[in-house]
Each structure stands twice: as C-alpha cells, then as structure tokens.
Amino acid sequence: MLSARNIYIAVMVLAGLILGLASLELSVIHDGPVPPLMYLIIVSFLVDMPLMTLASKGRLEPLQIEVRFIGVIAAALIYLGLRAALGA
C-alpha cells in the first residue's frame, strides 16, 4: 500500500526543484507579485486535498502535520539552494 507521506514529500521535493529551475529562467516567478515560496504552499494544498480524500476512504493513511512541515521546508530549501548555487 502506498504511503501518503512518501507521495507528499516526493511531490513537494519535485515542486521545489521545478520552482527553483523555473525561477532561474523566468524572472517573473522570483520578482513577481506572489512570493516564490507561496507557490510551494499552493502546491502543498493542491496535493493535500486528493490525498486526504483517499485517506478518508481508507486507501491511504492520513498525513500528519509534521509530514506537511517537512515537505514544505524541504521544497523551500531546495528552491533556495538552487537559487544560491546556480546564480540568482
């Protein structure tokens, strides 16, 4: 059985990687009206909704708040690391 924790963290890490690489090419992501790290919270919400629906049906275990925190922080660190390493 798939773990909601593994799915959530994997998607958030990919979101941080994609956001970091996209912000290097598109300055509107980094300099736009929405702070870039807010996109990660939006992705977190969009991933959390279907996972919680599956958890309520008993197909997945529910996400704990600690897992959400780890996923968002990991994505933010990847984003910030890419911006710092590849030139902001």
N, C-alpha and C. Protein backbone atom coordinates (compact mmCIF):
# COMPACT_ATOMS: atom_id res chain seq x y z
N MET A 1 0.84 -1.18 0.00
CA MET A 1 0.00 0.00 0.00
C MET A 1 0.89 1.25 0.00
N LEU A 2 0.52 2.21 -0.81
CA LEU A 2 1.28 3.46 -0.89
C LEU A 2 1.10 4.26 0.38
N SER A 3 2.14 4.96 0.72
CA SER A 3 2.11 5.82 1.88
C SER A 3 1.89 7.26 1.43
N ALA A 4 0.92 7.92 2.03
CA ALA A 4 0.65 9.31 1.69
C ALA A 4 1.87 10.17 2.00
N ARG A 5 2.60 9.80 3.03
CA ARG A 5 3.81 10.53 3.41
C ARG A 5 4.84 10.53 2.29
N ASN A 6 5.08 9.37 1.71
CA ASN A 6 6.07 9.26 0.64
C ASN A 6 5.64 10.02 -0.61
N ILE A 7 4.38 9.93 -0.94
CA ILE A 7 3.86 10.64 -2.11
C ILE A 7 3.97 12.14 -1.90
N TYR A 8 3.55 12.62 -0.74
CA TYR A 8 3.55 14.05 -0.45
C TYR A 8 4.96 14.63 -0.48
N ILE A 9 5.89 13.99 0.20
CA ILE A 9 7.26 14.51 0.26
C ILE A 9 7.90 14.47 -1.12
N ALA A 10 7.66 13.42 -1.89
CA ALA A 10 8.23 13.34 -3.24
C ALA A 10 7.69 14.46 -4.13
N VAL A 11 6.40 14.72 -4.06
CA VAL A 11 5.82 15.79 -4.88
C VAL A 11 6.35 17.15 -4.45
N MET A 12 6.50 17.37 -3.16
CA MET A 12 6.99 18.66 -2.68
C MET A 12 8.45 18.87 -3.06
N VAL A 13 9.26 17.83 -2.99
CA VAL A 13 10.66 17.95 -3.41
C VAL A 13 10.74 18.27 -4.91
N LEU A 14 9.92 17.61 -5.71
CA LEU A 14 9.87 17.92 -7.13
C LEU A 14 9.38 19.35 -7.38
N ALA A 15 8.43 19.80 -6.59
CA ALA A 15 7.93 21.17 -6.74
C ALA A 15 9.02 22.19 -6.43
N GLY A 16 9.80 21.93 -5.40
CA GLY A 16 10.92 22.82 -5.07
C GLY A 16 11.96 22.85 -6.17
N LEU A 17 12.24 21.68 -6.73
CA LEU A 17 13.21 21.59 -7.83
C LEU A 17 12.70 22.32 -9.07
N ILE A 18 11.47 22.09 -9.43
CA ILE A 18 10.88 22.74 -10.62
C ILE A 18 10.79 24.25 -10.42
N LEU A 19 10.36 24.67 -9.23
CA LEU A 19 10.24 26.10 -8.96
C LEU A 19 11.61 26.78 -8.99
N GLY A 20 12.61 26.12 -8.43
CA GLY A 20 13.97 26.68 -8.44
C GLY A 20 14.52 26.83 -9.84
N LEU A 21 14.36 25.80 -10.65
CA LEU A 21 14.87 25.86 -12.02
C LEU A 21 14.06 26.85 -12.88
N ALA A 22 12.75 26.87 -12.67
CA ALA A 22 11.92 27.79 -13.45
C ALA A 22 12.20 29.25 -13.08
N SER A 23 12.50 29.51 -11.81
CA SER A 23 12.75 30.89 -11.40
C SER A 23 14.07 31.41 -11.94
N LEU A 24 14.98 30.52 -12.30
CA LEU A 24 16.23 30.96 -12.92
C LEU A 24 15.99 31.43 -14.35
N GLU A 25 15.04 30.80 -15.02
CA GLU A 25 14.73 31.16 -16.42
C GLU A 25 13.70 32.28 -16.51
N LEU A 26 12.72 32.26 -15.64
CA LEU A 26 11.62 33.23 -15.70
C LEU A 26 11.71 34.14 -14.48
N SER A 27 12.15 35.35 -14.69
CA SER A 27 12.32 36.26 -13.55
C SER A 27 10.99 36.67 -12.93
N VAL A 28 9.91 36.51 -13.66
CA VAL A 28 8.60 36.89 -13.11
C VAL A 28 8.23 35.99 -11.92
N ILE A 29 8.76 34.79 -11.85
CA ILE A 29 8.48 33.91 -10.72
C ILE A 29 9.15 34.47 -9.46
N HIS A 30 10.39 34.91 -9.61
CA HIS A 30 11.13 35.41 -8.45
C HIS A 30 10.77 36.85 -8.11
N ASP A 31 10.51 37.67 -9.10
CA ASP A 31 10.27 39.09 -8.88
C ASP A 31 8.80 39.49 -9.00
N GLY A 32 7.91 38.52 -9.15
CA GLY A 32 6.50 38.81 -9.38
C GLY A 32 5.77 39.23 -8.12
N PRO A 33 4.46 39.45 -8.24
CA PRO A 33 3.66 39.92 -7.10
C PRO A 33 3.45 38.85 -6.02
N VAL A 34 3.57 37.58 -6.39
CA VAL A 34 3.41 36.49 -5.43
C VAL A 34 4.80 36.02 -5.00
N PRO A 35 5.09 35.99 -3.71
CA PRO A 35 6.40 35.50 -3.28
C PRO A 35 6.59 34.05 -3.73
N PRO A 36 7.79 33.70 -4.19
CA PRO A 36 8.00 32.37 -4.75
C PRO A 36 7.71 31.22 -3.79
N LEU A 37 7.99 31.40 -2.52
CA LEU A 37 7.73 30.32 -1.58
C LEU A 37 6.23 30.09 -1.35
N MET A 38 5.43 31.07 -1.71
CA MET A 38 3.98 30.90 -1.61
C MET A 38 3.48 29.87 -2.61
N TYR A 39 4.17 29.75 -3.74
CA TYR A 39 3.80 28.72 -4.72
C TYR A 39 3.91 27.33 -4.11
N LEU A 40 4.88 27.14 -3.22
CA LEU A 40 5.04 25.84 -2.59
C LEU A 40 3.88 25.53 -1.65
N ILE A 41 3.35 26.54 -1.00
CA ILE A 41 2.19 26.33 -0.13
C ILE A 41 0.96 26.01 -0.97
N ILE A 42 0.86 26.64 -2.14
CA ILE A 42 -0.25 26.34 -3.05
C ILE A 42 -0.15 24.90 -3.54
N VAL A 43 1.05 24.47 -3.92
CA VAL A 43 1.25 23.09 -4.35
C VAL A 43 0.93 22.13 -3.21
N SER A 44 1.35 22.47 -2.01
CA SER A 44 1.07 21.64 -0.85
C SER A 44 -0.43 21.46 -0.66
N PHE A 45 -1.18 22.53 -0.79
CA PHE A 45 -2.63 22.45 -0.66
C PHE A 45 -3.24 21.58 -1.76
N LEU A 46 -2.77 21.77 -2.99
CA LEU A 46 -3.32 21.01 -4.12
C LEU A 46 -3.00 19.52 -4.03
N VAL A 47 -1.88 19.18 -3.44
CA VAL A 47 -1.52 17.77 -3.27
C VAL A 47 -2.26 17.18 -2.07
N ASP A 48 -2.42 17.99 -1.04
CA ASP A 48 -3.04 17.51 0.19
C ASP A 48 -4.51 17.15 0.01
N MET A 49 -5.22 17.89 -0.83
CA MET A 49 -6.65 17.64 -0.98
C MET A 49 -6.97 16.23 -1.50
N PRO A 50 -6.38 15.78 -2.62
CA PRO A 50 -6.70 14.41 -3.06
C PRO A 50 -6.17 13.34 -2.11
N LEU A 51 -5.04 13.61 -1.46
CA LEU A 51 -4.52 12.62 -0.51
C LEU A 51 -5.45 12.46 0.68
N MET A 52 -6.02 13.56 1.15
CA MET A 52 -6.95 13.47 2.27
C MET A 52 -8.25 12.80 1.87
N THR A 53 -8.66 12.98 0.62
CA THR A 53 -9.86 12.28 0.13
C THR A 53 -9.62 10.78 0.12
N LEU A 54 -8.45 10.37 -0.36
CA LEU A 54 -8.12 8.94 -0.37
C LEU A 54 -7.96 8.41 1.06
N ALA A 55 -7.43 9.22 1.95
CA ALA A 55 -7.28 8.80 3.33
C ALA A 55 -8.64 8.62 4.01
N SER A 56 -9.60 9.48 3.68
CA SER A 56 -10.92 9.34 4.28
C SER A 56 -11.64 8.09 3.79
N LYS A 57 -11.27 7.62 2.60
CA LYS A 57 -11.85 6.38 2.08
C LYS A 57 -11.10 5.14 2.55
N GLY A 58 -9.99 5.35 3.26
CA GLY A 58 -9.22 4.23 3.80
C GLY A 58 -8.18 3.68 2.86
N ARG A 59 -7.91 4.33 1.76
CA ARG A 59 -6.93 3.84 0.81
C ARG A 59 -5.51 4.25 1.16
N LEU A 60 -5.36 5.35 1.89
CA LEU A 60 -4.06 5.84 2.34
C LEU A 60 -4.16 6.20 3.81
N GLU A 61 -3.01 6.23 4.46
CA GLU A 61 -3.01 6.71 5.84
C GLU A 61 -3.02 8.24 5.82
N PRO A 62 -3.65 8.87 6.78
CA PRO A 62 -3.72 10.33 6.78
C PRO A 62 -2.34 10.97 7.00
N LEU A 63 -2.16 12.16 6.45
CA LEU A 63 -0.92 12.90 6.65
C LEU A 63 -0.91 13.56 8.03
N GLN A 64 0.23 13.50 8.66
CA GLN A 64 0.42 14.22 9.91
C GLN A 64 0.95 15.61 9.59
N ILE A 65 0.75 16.55 10.50
CA ILE A 65 1.20 17.91 10.27
C ILE A 65 2.72 17.99 10.16
N GLU A 66 3.43 17.09 10.84
CA GLU A 66 4.89 17.06 10.76
C GLU A 66 5.36 16.74 9.35
N VAL A 67 4.64 15.87 8.67
CA VAL A 67 5.00 15.50 7.31
C VAL A 67 4.78 16.69 6.38
N ARG A 68 3.71 17.41 6.58
CA ARG A 68 3.47 18.61 5.77
C ARG A 68 4.59 19.63 5.99
N PHE A 69 4.98 19.81 7.23
CA PHE A 69 6.05 20.75 7.57
C PHE A 69 7.36 20.32 6.91
N ILE A 70 7.70 19.05 7.01
CA ILE A 70 8.94 18.54 6.40
C ILE A 70 8.91 18.73 4.89
N GLY A 71 7.78 18.45 4.25
CA GLY A 71 7.66 18.59 2.80
C GLY A 71 7.84 20.02 2.33
N VAL A 72 7.20 20.95 3.00
CA VAL A 72 7.30 22.36 2.59
C VAL A 72 8.70 22.90 2.87
N ILE A 73 9.27 22.57 4.02
CA ILE A 73 10.62 23.04 4.34
C ILE A 73 11.65 22.43 3.38
N ALA A 74 11.51 21.15 3.05
CA ALA A 74 12.43 20.53 2.09
C ALA A 74 12.35 21.21 0.73
N ALA A 75 11.14 21.48 0.27
CA ALA A 75 10.97 22.14 -1.02
C ALA A 75 11.55 23.55 -0.99
N ALA A 76 11.33 24.27 0.11
CA ALA A 76 11.86 25.63 0.23
C ALA A 76 13.40 25.62 0.25
N LEU A 77 13.99 24.67 0.94
CA LEU A 77 15.45 24.59 0.98
C LEU A 77 16.03 24.24 -0.38
N ILE A 78 15.35 23.38 -1.11
CA ILE A 78 15.81 23.05 -2.46
C ILE A 78 15.71 24.27 -3.36
N TYR A 79 14.60 24.98 -3.27
CA TYR A 79 14.42 26.20 -4.07
C TYR A 79 15.51 27.22 -3.74
N LEU A 80 15.70 27.50 -2.48
CA LEU A 80 16.70 28.49 -2.07
C LEU A 80 18.12 28.04 -2.41
N GLY A 81 18.38 26.74 -2.26
CA GLY A 81 19.70 26.21 -2.61
C GLY A 81 20.00 26.34 -4.09
N LEU A 82 19.01 26.05 -4.93
CA LEU A 82 19.20 26.21 -6.38
C LEU A 82 19.43 27.66 -6.74
N ARG A 83 18.66 28.55 -6.14
CA ARG A 83 18.84 29.98 -6.44
C ARG A 83 20.23 30.45 -6.03
N ALA A 84 20.73 29.97 -4.90
CA ALA A 84 22.04 30.40 -4.43
C ALA A 84 23.16 29.75 -5.24
N ALA A 85 23.01 28.47 -5.56
CA ALA A 85 24.09 27.75 -6.23
C ALA A 85 24.21 28.09 -7.72
N LEU A 86 23.08 28.26 -8.37
CA LEU A 86 23.10 28.47 -9.82
C LEU A 86 23.03 29.94 -10.22
N GLY A 87 23.08 30.80 -9.26
CA GLY A 87 23.13 32.23 -9.57
C GLY A 87 21.77 32.87 -9.56
N ALA A 88 21.59 33.78 -8.64
CA ALA A 88 20.31 34.44 -8.52
C ALA A 88 20.32 35.75 -9.26
